[in-house]
Amino acid sequence: MFLAPLFGFADIAKITPADAAKLVADGKAVLVDVREPSEWHETGVAAPALLLAKSDFDGDMADDWKRFLAGNGDKEIILYCRSGKRAGIVGDALAKRGHKVANAGGFKDWQEAGLPTRKAAEPGK
């Protein structure tokens, strides 16, 4: 499913969780969970994911997001959330700033692909 027409996003590439996991394992991309901390603690997160909430991205952007973007300029940023909608919103904003971005959909997609998960730690870890 392509999200751009449905939610009005730019042409952000969709990527399967399996392809996302391979790019992350190869060091070509970073995976970011943009859900909120309560969601991370409730469900767990993808094992290789950095935890950077969309709410911290909005507005002036929190220092965690600024540090992350400064340190990962050469890698593709692969985002996911609960359904893919918030990942698309953040992805659209990042793409407009010149970042290479892909949307891996929702956390359930990651789980259904049988990929590793972990309990949530502190945000940004």
PDB file of N, CA and C in Angstrom:
ATOM      1  N   MET A   1       0.848  -1.184   0.000  1.00  0.00           N
ATOM      2  CA  MET A   1       0.000   0.000   0.000  1.00  0.00           C
ATOM      3  C   MET A   1       0.887   1.239   0.000  1.00  0.00           C
ATOM      4  N   PHE A   2       0.590   2.171  -0.856  1.00  0.00           N
ATOM      5  CA  PHE A   2       1.330   3.418  -0.951  1.00  0.00           C
ATOM      6  C   PHE A   2       0.563   4.484  -0.190  1.00  0.00           C
ATOM      7  N   LEU A   3       1.223   5.154   0.758  1.00  0.00           N
ATOM      8  CA  LEU A   3       0.542   6.085   1.646  1.00  0.00           C
ATOM      9  C   LEU A   3       0.395   7.502   1.095  1.00  0.00           C
ATOM     10  N   ALA A   4       1.174   7.870   0.105  1.00  0.00           N
ATOM     11  CA  ALA A   4       1.178   9.268  -0.333  1.00  0.00           C
ATOM     12  C   ALA A   4      -0.205   9.800  -0.687  1.00  0.00           C
ATOM     13  N   PRO A   5      -0.983   9.146  -1.539  1.00  0.00           N
ATOM     14  CA  PRO A   5      -2.281   9.729  -1.879  1.00  0.00           C
ATOM     15  C   PRO A   5      -3.240   9.756  -0.693  1.00  0.00           C
ATOM     16  N   LEU A   6      -3.166   8.754   0.158  1.00  0.00           N
ATOM     17  CA  LEU A   6      -4.084   8.656   1.280  1.00  0.00           C
ATOM     18  C   LEU A   6      -3.858   9.754   2.314  1.00  0.00           C
ATOM     19  N   PHE A   7      -2.612  10.011   2.646  1.00  0.00           N
ATOM     20  CA  PHE A   7      -2.305  10.960   3.700  1.00  0.00           C
ATOM     21  C   PHE A   7      -1.667  12.252   3.199  1.00  0.00           C
ATOM     22  N   GLY A   8      -1.423  12.383   1.898  1.00  0.00           N
ATOM     23  CA  GLY A   8      -0.871  13.605   1.346  1.00  0.00           C
ATOM     24  C   GLY A   8       0.622  13.772   1.558  1.00  0.00           C
ATOM     25  N   PHE A   9       1.371  12.670   1.673  1.00  0.00           N
ATOM     26  CA  PHE A   9       2.804  12.742   1.874  1.00  0.00           C
ATOM     27  C   PHE A   9       3.532  12.862   0.548  1.00  0.00           C
ATOM     28  N   ALA A  10       4.774  13.267   0.634  1.00  0.00           N
ATOM     29  CA  ALA A  10       5.650  13.257  -0.531  1.00  0.00           C
ATOM     30  C   ALA A  10       5.884  11.796  -0.937  1.00  0.00           C
ATOM     31  N   ASP A  11       6.611  11.618  -1.998  1.00  0.00           N
ATOM     32  CA  ASP A  11       6.885  10.261  -2.468  1.00  0.00           C
ATOM     33  C   ASP A  11       7.945   9.594  -1.607  1.00  0.00           C
ATOM     34  N   ILE A  12       7.566   9.206  -0.413  1.00  0.00           N
ATOM     35  CA  ILE A  12       8.467   8.519   0.505  1.00  0.00           C
ATOM     36  C   ILE A  12       8.378   7.033   0.194  1.00  0.00           C
ATOM     37  N   ALA A  13       9.519   6.425   0.001  1.00  0.00           N
ATOM     38  CA  ALA A  13       9.553   5.011  -0.337  1.00  0.00           C
ATOM     39  C   ALA A  13       8.977   4.169   0.792  1.00  0.00           C
ATOM     40  N   LYS A  14       8.203   3.165   0.418  1.00  0.00           N
ATOM     41  CA  LYS A  14       7.760   2.155   1.371  1.00  0.00           C
ATOM     42  C   LYS A  14       8.798   1.044   1.329  1.00  0.00           C
ATOM     43  N   ILE A  15       9.056   0.445   2.472  1.00  0.00           N
ATOM     44  CA  ILE A  15      10.033  -0.623   2.551  1.00  0.00           C
ATOM     45  C   ILE A  15       9.478  -1.717   3.451  1.00  0.00           C
ATOM     46  N   THR A  16       9.738  -2.957   3.107  1.00  0.00           N
ATOM     47  CA  THR A  16       9.274  -4.044   3.963  1.00  0.00           C
ATOM     48  C   THR A  16      10.154  -4.115   5.202  1.00  0.00           C
ATOM     49  N   PRO A  17       9.614  -4.627   6.303  1.00  0.00           N
ATOM     50  CA  PRO A  17      10.448  -4.777   7.491  1.00  0.00           C
ATOM     51  C   PRO A  17      11.694  -5.636   7.230  1.00  0.00           C
ATOM     52  N   ALA A  18      11.571  -6.689   6.436  1.00  0.00           N
ATOM     53  CA  ALA A  18      12.728  -7.547   6.140  1.00  0.00           C
ATOM     54  C   ALA A  18      13.816  -6.769   5.403  1.00  0.00           C
ATOM     55  N   ASP A  19      13.419  -5.966   4.418  1.00  0.00           N
ATOM     56  CA  ASP A  19      14.400  -5.153   3.696  1.00  0.00           C
ATOM     57  C   ASP A  19      15.007  -4.094   4.617  1.00  0.00           C
ATOM     58  N   ALA A  20      14.177  -3.513   5.483  1.00  0.00           N
ATOM     59  CA  ALA A  20      14.676  -2.526   6.437  1.00  0.00           C
ATOM     60  C   ALA A  20      15.721  -3.158   7.350  1.00  0.00           C
ATOM     61  N   ALA A  21      15.425  -4.348   7.873  1.00  0.00           N
ATOM     62  CA  ALA A  21      16.349  -5.037   8.774  1.00  0.00           C
ATOM     63  C   ALA A  21      17.681  -5.310   8.085  1.00  0.00           C
ATOM     64  N   LYS A  22      17.639  -5.686   6.817  1.00  0.00           N
ATOM     65  CA  LYS A  22      18.879  -5.963   6.081  1.00  0.00           C
ATOM     66  C   LYS A  22      19.706  -4.691   5.907  1.00  0.00           C
ATOM     67  N   LEU A  23      19.069  -3.596   5.513  1.00  0.00           N
ATOM     68  CA  LEU A  23      19.800  -2.338   5.345  1.00  0.00           C
ATOM     69  C   LEU A  23      20.433  -1.876   6.659  1.00  0.00           C
ATOM     70  N   VAL A  24      19.699  -2.040   7.764  1.00  0.00           N
ATOM     71  CA  VAL A  24      20.227  -1.658   9.073  1.00  0.00           C
ATOM     72  C   VAL A  24      21.408  -2.560   9.437  1.00  0.00           C
ATOM     73  N   ALA A  25      21.259  -3.866   9.231  1.00  0.00           N
ATOM     74  CA  ALA A  25      22.327  -4.806   9.556  1.00  0.00           C
ATOM     75  C   ALA A  25      23.578  -4.548   8.714  1.00  0.00           C
ATOM     76  N   ASP A  26      23.389  -4.097   7.475  1.00  0.00           N
ATOM     77  CA  ASP A  26      24.513  -3.792   6.585  1.00  0.00           C
ATOM     78  C   ASP A  26      25.135  -2.426   6.861  1.00  0.00           C
ATOM     79  N   GLY A  27      24.569  -1.661   7.812  1.00  0.00           N
ATOM     80  CA  GLY A  27      25.097  -0.353   8.158  1.00  0.00           C
ATOM     81  C   GLY A  27      24.738   0.748   7.169  1.00  0.00           C
ATOM     82  N   LYS A  28      23.769   0.486   6.291  1.00  0.00           N
ATOM     83  CA  LYS A  28      23.377   1.465   5.274  1.00  0.00           C
ATOM     84  C   LYS A  28      22.210   2.342   5.710  1.00  0.00           C
ATOM     85  N   ALA A  29      21.550   1.966   6.802  1.00  0.00           N
ATOM     86  CA  ALA A  29      20.365   2.696   7.257  1.00  0.00           C
ATOM     87  C   ALA A  29      20.253   2.609   8.768  1.00  0.00           C
ATOM     88  N   VAL A  30      19.434   3.501   9.315  1.00  0.00           N
ATOM     89  CA  VAL A  30      19.088   3.455  10.726  1.00  0.00           C
ATOM     90  C   VAL A  30      17.573   3.354  10.829  1.00  0.00           C
ATOM     91  N   LEU A  31      17.109   2.577  11.778  1.00  0.00           N
ATOM     92  CA  LEU A  31      15.683   2.374  12.001  1.00  0.00           C
ATOM     93  C   LEU A  31      15.250   3.217  13.187  1.00  0.00           C
ATOM     94  N   VAL A  32      14.156   3.967  13.020  1.00  0.00           N
ATOM     95  CA  VAL A  32      13.682   4.851  14.081  1.00  0.00           C
ATOM     96  C   VAL A  32      12.212   4.578  14.357  1.00  0.00           C
ATOM     97  N   ASP A  33      11.891   4.336  15.613  1.00  0.00           N
ATOM     98  CA  ASP A  33      10.515   4.179  16.085  1.00  0.00           C
ATOM     99  C   ASP A  33      10.037   5.555  16.528  1.00  0.00           C
ATOM    100  N   VAL A  34       9.037   6.099  15.813  1.00  0.00           N
ATOM    101  CA  VAL A  34       8.558   7.453  16.116  1.00  0.00           C
ATOM    102  C   VAL A  34       7.303   7.458  16.994  1.00  0.00           C
ATOM    103  N   ARG A  35       6.943   6.281  17.550  1.00  0.00           N
ATOM    104  CA  ARG A  35       5.805   6.249  18.469  1.00  0.00           C
ATOM    105  C   ARG A  35       6.175   6.968  19.762  1.00  0.00           C
ATOM    106  N   GLU A  36       5.235   7.038  20.671  1.00  0.00           N
ATOM    107  CA  GLU A  36       5.447   7.719  21.950  1.00  0.00           C
ATOM    108  C   GLU A  36       5.986   6.733  23.000  1.00  0.00           C
ATOM    109  N   PRO A  37       6.689   7.239  24.029  1.00  0.00           N
ATOM    110  CA  PRO A  37       7.268   6.365  25.047  1.00  0.00           C
ATOM    111  C   PRO A  37       6.277   5.382  25.666  1.00  0.00           C
ATOM    112  N   SER A  38       5.052   5.797  25.901  1.00  0.00           N
ATOM    113  CA  SER A  38       4.070   4.871  26.488  1.00  0.00           C
ATOM    114  C   SER A  38       3.834   3.678  25.562  1.00  0.00           C
ATOM    115  N   GLU A  39       3.858   3.907  24.260  1.00  0.00           N
ATOM    116  CA  GLU A  39       3.684   2.817  23.295  1.00  0.00           C
ATOM    117  C   GLU A  39       4.896   1.893  23.294  1.00  0.00           C
ATOM    118  N   TRP A  40       6.095   2.476  23.377  1.00  0.00           N
ATOM    119  CA  TRP A  40       7.304   1.655  23.417  1.00  0.00           C
ATOM    120  C   TRP A  40       7.264   0.701  24.603  1.00  0.00           C
ATOM    121  N   HIS A  41       6.877   1.240  25.749  1.00  0.00           N
ATOM    122  CA  HIS A  41       6.873   0.428  26.974  1.00  0.00           C
ATOM    123  C   HIS A  41       5.745  -0.594  26.977  1.00  0.00           C
ATOM    124  N   GLU A  42       4.663  -0.279  26.315  1.00  0.00           N
ATOM    125  CA  GLU A  42       3.520  -1.187  26.265  1.00  0.00           C
ATOM    126  C   GLU A  42       3.769  -2.387  25.360  1.00  0.00           C
ATOM    127  N   THR A  43       4.380  -2.165  24.200  1.00  0.00           N
ATOM    128  CA  THR A  43       4.493  -3.225  23.192  1.00  0.00           C
ATOM    129  C   THR A  43       5.897  -3.736  22.955  1.00  0.00           C
ATOM    130  N   GLY A  44       6.912  -2.997  23.387  1.00  0.00           N
ATOM    131  CA  GLY A  44       8.271  -3.298  22.980  1.00  0.00           C
ATOM    132  C   GLY A  44       8.561  -2.580  21.675  1.00  0.00           C
ATOM    133  N   VAL A  45       9.771  -2.769  21.174  1.00  0.00           N
ATOM    134  CA  VAL A  45      10.213  -2.070  19.961  1.00  0.00           C
ATOM    135  C   VAL A  45      11.015  -3.032  19.094  1.00  0.00           C
ATOM    136  N   ALA A  46      11.232  -2.662  17.850  1.00  0.00           N
ATOM    137  CA  ALA A  46      12.119  -3.430  16.980  1.00  0.00           C
ATOM    138  C   ALA A  46      13.516  -3.419  17.598  1.00  0.00           C
ATOM    139  N   ALA A  47      14.192  -4.556  17.608  1.00  0.00           N
ATOM    140  CA  ALA A  47      15.482  -4.672  18.291  1.00  0.00           C
ATOM    141  C   ALA A  47      16.508  -3.613  17.873  1.00  0.00           C
ATOM    142  N   PRO A  48      16.656  -3.301  16.576  1.00  0.00           N
ATOM    143  CA  PRO A  48      17.684  -2.314  16.218  1.00  0.00           C
ATOM    144  C   PRO A  48      17.216  -0.858  16.238  1.00  0.00           C
ATOM    145  N   ALA A  49      16.000  -0.606  16.677  1.00  0.00           N
ATOM    146  CA  ALA A  49      15.427   0.743  16.550  1.00  0.00           C
ATOM    147  C   ALA A  49      15.976   1.734  17.560  1.00  0.00           C
ATOM    148  N   LEU A  50      16.162   2.956  17.079  1.00  0.00           N
ATOM    149  CA  LEU A  50      16.376   4.099  17.957  1.00  0.00           C
ATOM    150  C   LEU A  50      14.990   4.630  18.300  1.00  0.00           C
ATOM    151  N   LEU A  51      14.827   5.149  19.487  1.00  0.00           N
ATOM    152  CA  LEU A  51      13.524   5.612  19.951  1.00  0.00           C
ATOM    153  C   LEU A  51      13.501   7.135  19.990  1.00  0.00           C
ATOM    154  N   LEU A  52      12.820   7.714  19.003  1.00  0.00           N
ATOM    155  CA  LEU A  52      12.730   9.164  18.875  1.00  0.00           C
ATOM    156  C   LEU A  52      11.284   9.525  18.564  1.00  0.00           C
ATOM    157  N   ALA A  53      10.564   9.963  19.567  1.00  0.00           N
ATOM    158  CA  ALA A  53       9.126  10.210  19.433  1.00  0.00           C
ATOM    159  C   ALA A  53       8.807  11.322  18.442  1.00  0.00           C
ATOM    160  N   LYS A  54       7.715  11.136  17.707  1.00  0.00           N
ATOM    161  CA  LYS A  54       7.232  12.161  16.794  1.00  0.00           C
ATOM    162  C   LYS A  54       6.941  13.446  17.550  1.00  0.00           C
ATOM    163  N   SER A  55       6.391  13.356  18.755  1.00  0.00           N
ATOM    164  CA  SER A  55       6.058  14.564  19.522  1.00  0.00           C
ATOM    165  C   SER A  55       7.303  15.399  19.811  1.00  0.00           C
ATOM    166  N   ASP A  56       8.472  14.749  19.914  1.00  0.00           N
ATOM    167  CA  ASP A  56       9.718  15.482  20.114  1.00  0.00           C
ATOM    168  C   ASP A  56      10.230  16.080  18.808  1.00  0.00           C
ATOM    169  N   PHE A  57       9.791  15.534  17.690  1.00  0.00           N
ATOM    170  CA  PHE A  57      10.178  16.045  16.372  1.00  0.00           C
ATOM    171  C   PHE A  57       9.413  17.314  16.025  1.00  0.00           C
ATOM    172  N   ASP A  58       8.167  17.368  16.436  1.00  0.00           N
ATOM    173  CA  ASP A  58       7.285  18.481  16.104  1.00  0.00           C
ATOM    174  C   ASP A  58       7.792  19.788  16.705  1.00  0.00           C
ATOM    175  N   GLY A  59       7.435  20.872  16.092  1.00  0.00           N
ATOM    176  CA  GLY A  59       7.818  22.192  16.608  1.00  0.00           C
ATOM    177  C   GLY A  59       9.291  22.467  16.419  1.00  0.00           C
ATOM    178  N   ASP A  60       9.982  22.781  17.499  1.00  0.00           N
ATOM    179  CA  ASP A  60      11.397  23.155  17.431  1.00  0.00           C
ATOM    180  C   ASP A  60      12.332  21.957  17.342  1.00  0.00           C
ATOM    181  N   MET A  61      11.852  20.763  17.481  1.00  0.00           N
ATOM    182  CA  MET A  61      12.627  19.530  17.432  1.00  0.00           C
ATOM    183  C   MET A  61      13.546  19.428  18.655  1.00  0.00           C
ATOM    184  N   ALA A  62      13.396  18.357  19.388  1.00  0.00           N
ATOM    185  CA  ALA A  62      14.187  18.124  20.600  1.00  0.00           C
ATOM    186  C   ALA A  62      15.653  17.866  20.253  1.00  0.00           C
ATOM    187  N   ASP A  63      16.500  18.072  21.236  1.00  0.00           N
ATOM    188  CA  ASP A  63      17.935  17.873  21.043  1.00  0.00           C
ATOM    189  C   ASP A  63      18.262  16.459  20.578  1.00  0.00           C
ATOM    190  N   ASP A  64      17.514  15.438  21.057  1.00  0.00           N
ATOM    191  CA  ASP A  64      17.776  14.060  20.634  1.00  0.00           C
ATOM    192  C   ASP A  64      17.647  13.927  19.122  1.00  0.00           C
ATOM    193  N   TRP A  65      16.605  14.525  18.557  1.00  0.00           N
ATOM    194  CA  TRP A  65      16.416  14.490  17.106  1.00  0.00           C
ATOM    195  C   TRP A  65      17.536  15.232  16.405  1.00  0.00           C
ATOM    196  N   LYS A  66      17.922  16.395  16.903  1.00  0.00           N
ATOM    197  CA  LYS A  66      18.983  17.187  16.270  1.00  0.00           C
ATOM    198  C   LYS A  66      20.299  16.416  16.268  1.00  0.00           C
ATOM    199  N   ARG A  67      20.651  15.790  17.393  1.00  0.00           N
ATOM    200  CA  ARG A  67      21.881  14.994  17.473  1.00  0.00           C
ATOM    201  C   ARG A  67      21.817  13.807  16.523  1.00  0.00           C
ATOM    202  N   PHE A  68      20.665  13.136  16.495  1.00  0.00           N
ATOM    203  CA  PHE A  68      20.499  11.987  15.611  1.00  0.00           C
ATOM    204  C   PHE A  68      20.709  12.388  14.152  1.00  0.00           C
ATOM    205  N   LEU A  69      20.059  13.451  13.709  1.00  0.00           N
ATOM    206  CA  LEU A  69      20.164  13.882  12.317  1.00  0.00           C
ATOM    207  C   LEU A  69      21.586  14.327  11.979  1.00  0.00           C
ATOM    208  N   ALA A  70      22.243  15.001  12.905  1.00  0.00           N
ATOM    209  CA  ALA A  70      23.615  15.440  12.664  1.00  0.00           C
ATOM    210  C   ALA A  70      24.569  14.251  12.535  1.00  0.00           C
ATOM    211  N   GLY A  71      24.295  13.182  13.264  1.00  0.00           N
ATOM    212  CA  GLY A  71      25.185  12.024  13.265  1.00  0.00           C
ATOM    213  C   GLY A  71      24.874  10.968  12.234  1.00  0.00           C
ATOM    214  N   ASN A  72      23.791  11.115  11.490  1.00  0.00           N
ATOM    215  CA  ASN A  72      23.392  10.074  10.541  1.00  0.00           C
ATOM    216  C   ASN A  72      23.078  10.623   9.155  1.00  0.00           C
ATOM    217  N   GLY A  73      23.744  11.695   8.780  1.00  0.00           N
ATOM    218  CA  GLY A  73      23.459  12.349   7.521  1.00  0.00           C
ATOM    219  C   GLY A  73      23.667  11.498   6.284  1.00  0.00           C
ATOM    220  N   ASP A  74      24.571  10.513   6.329  1.00  0.00           N
ATOM    221  CA  ASP A  74      24.874   9.717   5.152  1.00  0.00           C
ATOM    222  C   ASP A  74      24.037   8.443   5.044  1.00  0.00           C
ATOM    223  N   LYS A  75      23.257   8.122   6.056  1.00  0.00           N
ATOM    224  CA  LYS A  75      22.478   6.880   6.055  1.00  0.00           C
ATOM    225  C   LYS A  75      21.009   7.147   5.750  1.00  0.00           C
ATOM    226  N   GLU A  76      20.378   6.147   5.176  1.00  0.00           N
ATOM    227  CA  GLU A  76      18.936   6.233   4.969  1.00  0.00           C
ATOM    228  C   GLU A  76      18.255   6.136   6.330  1.00  0.00           C
ATOM    229  N   ILE A  77      17.206   6.907   6.527  1.00  0.00           N
ATOM    230  CA  ILE A  77      16.445   6.881   7.774  1.00  0.00           C
ATOM    231  C   ILE A  77      15.156   6.122   7.497  1.00  0.00           C
ATOM    232  N   ILE A  78      15.006   4.985   8.164  1.00  0.00           N
ATOM    233  CA  ILE A  78      13.808   4.164   7.995  1.00  0.00           C
ATOM    234  C   ILE A  78      12.961   4.334   9.250  1.00  0.00           C
ATOM    235  N   LEU A  79      11.735   4.769   9.052  1.00  0.00           N
ATOM    236  CA  LEU A  79      10.837   5.090  10.157  1.00  0.00           C
ATOM    237  C   LEU A  79       9.698   4.084  10.249  1.00  0.00           C
ATOM    238  N   TYR A  80       9.221   3.858  11.465  1.00  0.00           N
ATOM    239  CA  TYR A  80       7.979   3.112  11.663  1.00  0.00           C
ATOM    240  C   TYR A  80       7.267   3.661  12.885  1.00  0.00           C
ATOM    241  N   CYS A  81       5.966   3.362  12.975  1.00  0.00           N
ATOM    242  CA  CYS A  81       5.162   3.774  14.127  1.00  0.00           C
ATOM    243  C   CYS A  81       4.153   2.664  14.396  1.00  0.00           C
ATOM    244  N   ARG A  82       2.929   3.002  14.738  1.00  0.00           N
ATOM    245  CA  ARG A  82       1.912   1.978  14.970  1.00  0.00           C
ATOM    246  C   ARG A  82       1.301   1.520  13.652  1.00  0.00           C
ATOM    247  N   SER A  83       0.961   2.476  12.788  1.00  0.00           N
ATOM    248  CA  SER A  83       0.280   2.125  11.540  1.00  0.00           C
ATOM    249  C   SER A  83       1.025   2.570  10.285  1.00  0.00           C
ATOM    250  N   GLY A  84       2.018   3.416  10.429  1.00  0.00           N
ATOM    251  CA  GLY A  84       2.734   3.989   9.295  1.00  0.00           C
ATOM    252  C   GLY A  84       2.395   5.447   9.052  1.00  0.00           C
ATOM    253  N   LYS A  85       1.329   5.945   9.660  1.00  0.00           N
ATOM    254  CA  LYS A  85       0.905   7.329   9.425  1.00  0.00           C
ATOM    255  C   LYS A  85       1.896   8.341  10.004  1.00  0.00           C
ATOM    256  N   ARG A  86       2.237   8.199  11.279  1.00  0.00           N
ATOM    257  CA  ARG A  86       3.195   9.147  11.890  1.00  0.00           C
ATOM    258  C   ARG A  86       4.560   9.033  11.230  1.00  0.00           C
ATOM    259  N   ALA A  87       4.950   7.807  10.868  1.00  0.00           N
ATOM    260  CA  ALA A  87       6.215   7.629  10.155  1.00  0.00           C
ATOM    261  C   ALA A  87       6.191   8.395   8.837  1.00  0.00           C
ATOM    262  N   GLY A  88       5.054   8.404   8.171  1.00  0.00           N
ATOM    263  CA  GLY A  88       4.917   9.156   6.931  1.00  0.00           C
ATOM    264  C   GLY A  88       5.005  10.652   7.137  1.00  0.00           C
ATOM    265  N   ILE A  89       4.420  11.141   8.220  1.00  0.00           N
ATOM    266  CA  ILE A  89       4.453  12.577   8.513  1.00  0.00           C
ATOM    267  C   ILE A  89       5.891  13.031   8.793  1.00  0.00           C
ATOM    268  N   VAL A  90       6.579  12.288   9.653  1.00  0.00           N
ATOM    269  CA  VAL A  90       7.971  12.628   9.966  1.00  0.00           C
ATOM    270  C   VAL A  90       8.832  12.442   8.720  1.00  0.00           C
ATOM    271  N   GLY A  91       8.597  11.361   7.986  1.00  0.00           N
ATOM    272  CA  GLY A  91       9.365  11.105   6.776  1.00  0.00           C
ATOM    273  C   GLY A  91       9.218  12.209   5.756  1.00  0.00           C
ATOM    274  N   ASP A  92       8.016  12.710   5.595  1.00  0.00           N
ATOM    275  CA  ASP A  92       7.764  13.804   4.667  1.00  0.00           C
ATOM    276  C   ASP A  92       8.582  15.036   5.061  1.00  0.00           C
ATOM    277  N   ALA A  93       8.564  15.372   6.348  1.00  0.00           N
ATOM    278  CA  ALA A  93       9.315  16.533   6.826  1.00  0.00           C
ATOM    279  C   ALA A  93      10.819  16.333   6.635  1.00  0.00           C
ATOM    280  N   LEU A  94      11.307  15.120   6.897  1.00  0.00           N
ATOM    281  CA  LEU A  94      12.734  14.850   6.723  1.00  0.00           C
ATOM    282  C   LEU A  94      13.130  14.882   5.248  1.00  0.00           C
ATOM    283  N   ALA A  95      12.282  14.329   4.389  1.00  0.00           N
ATOM    284  CA  ALA A  95      12.562  14.339   2.950  1.00  0.00           C
ATOM    285  C   ALA A  95      12.649  15.775   2.436  1.00  0.00           C
ATOM    286  N   LYS A  96      11.779  16.635   2.931  1.00  0.00           N
ATOM    287  CA  LYS A  96      11.801  18.041   2.519  1.00  0.00           C
ATOM    288  C   LYS A  96      13.075  18.739   2.975  1.00  0.00           C
ATOM    289  N   ARG A  97      13.747  18.187   3.983  1.00  0.00           N
ATOM    290  CA  ARG A  97      15.014  18.745   4.474  1.00  0.00           C
ATOM    291  C   ARG A  97      16.210  18.074   3.796  1.00  0.00           C
ATOM    292  N   GLY A  98      15.939  17.203   2.836  1.00  0.00           N
ATOM    293  CA  GLY A  98      17.015  16.583   2.070  1.00  0.00           C
ATOM    294  C   GLY A  98      17.496  15.235   2.555  1.00  0.00           C
ATOM    295  N   HIS A  99      16.834  14.635   3.529  1.00  0.00           N
ATOM    296  CA  HIS A  99      17.241  13.326   4.027  1.00  0.00           C
ATOM    297  C   HIS A  99      16.643  12.224   3.168  1.00  0.00           C
ATOM    298  N   LYS A 100      17.382  11.125   3.038  1.00  0.00           N
ATOM    299  CA  LYS A 100      16.869   9.936   2.359  1.00  0.00           C
ATOM    300  C   LYS A 100      16.057   9.155   3.386  1.00  0.00           C
ATOM    301  N   VAL A 101      14.772   8.941   3.086  1.00  0.00           N
ATOM    302  CA  VAL A 101      13.845   8.394   4.074  1.00  0.00           C
ATOM    303  C   VAL A 101      13.006   7.270   3.458  1.00  0.00           C
ATOM    304  N   ALA A 102      12.654   6.292   4.290  1.00  0.00           N
ATOM    305  CA  ALA A 102      11.717   5.252   3.895  1.00  0.00           C
ATOM    306  C   ALA A 102      10.771   4.977   5.066  1.00  0.00           C
ATOM    307  N   ASN A 103       9.588   4.472   4.741  1.00  0.00           N
ATOM    308  CA  ASN A 103       8.559   4.169   5.735  1.00  0.00           C
ATOM    309  C   ASN A 103       8.375   2.661   5.791  1.00  0.00           C
ATOM    310  N   ALA A 104       8.659   2.073   6.952  1.00  0.00           N
ATOM    311  CA  ALA A 104       8.519   0.631   7.148  1.00  0.00           C
ATOM    312  C   ALA A 104       7.165   0.257   7.736  1.00  0.00           C
ATOM    313  N   GLY A 105       6.239   1.209   7.799  1.00  0.00           N
ATOM    314  CA  GLY A 105       4.888   0.909   8.252  1.00  0.00           C
ATOM    315  C   GLY A 105       4.750   0.882   9.755  1.00  0.00           C
ATOM    316  N   GLY A 106       4.109  -0.175  10.259  1.00  0.00           N
ATOM    317  CA  GLY A 106       3.807  -0.274  11.672  1.00  0.00           C
ATOM    318  C   GLY A 106       4.614  -1.327  12.400  1.00  0.00           C
ATOM    319  N   PHE A 107       4.660  -1.208  13.718  1.00  0.00           N
ATOM    320  CA  PHE A 107       5.385  -2.171  14.551  1.00  0.00           C
ATOM    321  C   PHE A 107       4.844  -3.583  14.354  1.00  0.00           C
ATOM    322  N   LYS A 108       3.538  -3.711  14.162  1.00  0.00           N
ATOM    323  CA  LYS A 108       2.965  -5.048  13.941  1.00  0.00           C
ATOM    324  C   LYS A 108       3.516  -5.690  12.678  1.00  0.00           C
ATOM    325  N   ASP A 109       3.826  -4.873  11.653  1.00  0.00           N
ATOM    326  CA  ASP A 109       4.434  -5.410  10.431  1.00  0.00           C
ATOM    327  C   ASP A 109       5.789  -6.036  10.750  1.00  0.00           C
ATOM    328  N   TRP A 110       6.561  -5.372  11.600  1.00  0.00           N
ATOM    329  CA  TRP A 110       7.866  -5.878  12.028  1.00  0.00           C
ATOM    330  C   TRP A 110       7.687  -7.203  12.778  1.00  0.00           C
ATOM    331  N   GLN A 111       6.739  -7.222  13.712  1.00  0.00           N
ATOM    332  CA  GLN A 111       6.487  -8.442  14.481  1.00  0.00           C
ATOM    333  C   GLN A 111       6.023  -9.581  13.578  1.00  0.00           C
ATOM    334  N   GLU A 112       5.086  -9.283  12.667  1.00  0.00           N
ATOM    335  CA  GLU A 112       4.546 -10.321  11.779  1.00  0.00           C
ATOM    336  C   GLU A 112       5.599 -10.880  10.832  1.00  0.00           C
ATOM    337  N   ALA A 113       6.644 -10.109  10.569  1.00  0.00           N
ATOM    338  CA  ALA A 113       7.743 -10.585   9.728  1.00  0.00           C
ATOM    339  C   ALA A 113       8.689 -11.495  10.518  1.00  0.00           C
ATOM    340  N   GLY A 114       8.437 -11.651  11.826  1.00  0.00           N
ATOM    341  CA  GLY A 114       9.263 -12.512  12.667  1.00  0.00           C
ATOM    342  C   GLY A 114      10.616 -11.916  13.009  1.00  0.00           C
ATOM    343  N   LEU A 115      10.727 -10.600  12.920  1.00  0.00           N
ATOM    344  CA  LEU A 115      11.993  -9.931  13.205  1.00  0.00           C
ATOM    345  C   LEU A 115      12.138  -9.667  14.700  1.00  0.00           C
ATOM    346  N   PRO A 116      13.366  -9.547  15.190  1.00  0.00           N
ATOM    347  CA  PRO A 116      13.588  -9.431  16.638  1.00  0.00           C
ATOM    348  C   PRO A 116      13.058  -8.127  17.244  1.00  0.00           C
ATOM    349  N   THR A 117      12.550  -8.255  18.448  1.00  0.00           N
ATOM    350  CA  THR A 117      12.061  -7.115  19.216  1.00  0.00           C
ATOM    351  C   THR A 117      12.764  -7.119  20.573  1.00  0.00           C
ATOM    352  N   ARG A 118      12.583  -6.039  21.294  1.00  0.00           N
ATOM    353  CA  ARG A 118      13.158  -5.929  22.639  1.00  0.00           C
ATOM    354  C   ARG A 118      12.238  -5.044  23.477  1.00  0.00           C
ATOM    355  N   LYS A 119      12.460  -5.082  24.785  1.00  0.00           N
ATOM    356  CA  LYS A 119      11.766  -4.165  25.665  1.00  0.00           C
ATOM    357  C   LYS A 119      12.358  -2.775  25.461  1.00  0.00           C
ATOM    358  N   ALA A 120      11.547  -1.763  25.673  1.00  0.00           N
ATOM    359  CA  ALA A 120      12.008  -0.389  25.470  1.00  0.00           C
ATOM    360  C   ALA A 120      12.934   0.047  26.593  1.00  0.00           C
ATOM    361  N   ALA A 121      13.963   0.798  26.216  1.00  0.00           N
ATOM    362  CA  ALA A 121      14.870   1.425  27.178  1.00  0.00           C
ATOM    363  C   ALA A 121      14.522   2.909  27.191  1.00  0.00           C
ATOM    364  N   GLU A 122      15.424   3.701  27.646  1.00  0.00           N
ATOM    365  CA  GLU A 122      15.209   5.144  27.646  1.00  0.00           C
ATOM    366  C   GLU A 122      15.142   5.662  26.213  1.00  0.00           C
ATOM    367  N   PRO A 123      14.379   6.704  25.951  1.00  0.00           N
ATOM    368  CA  PRO A 123      14.306   7.270  24.593  1.00  0.00           C
ATOM    369  C   PRO A 123      15.684   7.586  24.035  1.00  0.00           C
ATOM    370  N   GLY A 124      15.825   7.294  22.737  1.00  0.00           N
ATOM    371  CA  GLY A 124      17.067   7.596  22.041  1.00  0.00           C
ATOM    372  C   GLY A 124      18.179   6.588  22.259  1.00  0.00           C
ATOM    373  N   LYS A 125      17.901   5.511  22.965  1.00  0.00           N
ATOM    374  CA  LYS A 125      18.933   4.504  23.231  1.00  0.00           C
ATOM    375  C   LYS A 125      18.817   3.361  22.257  1.00  0.00           C
TER     376      LYS A 125
END
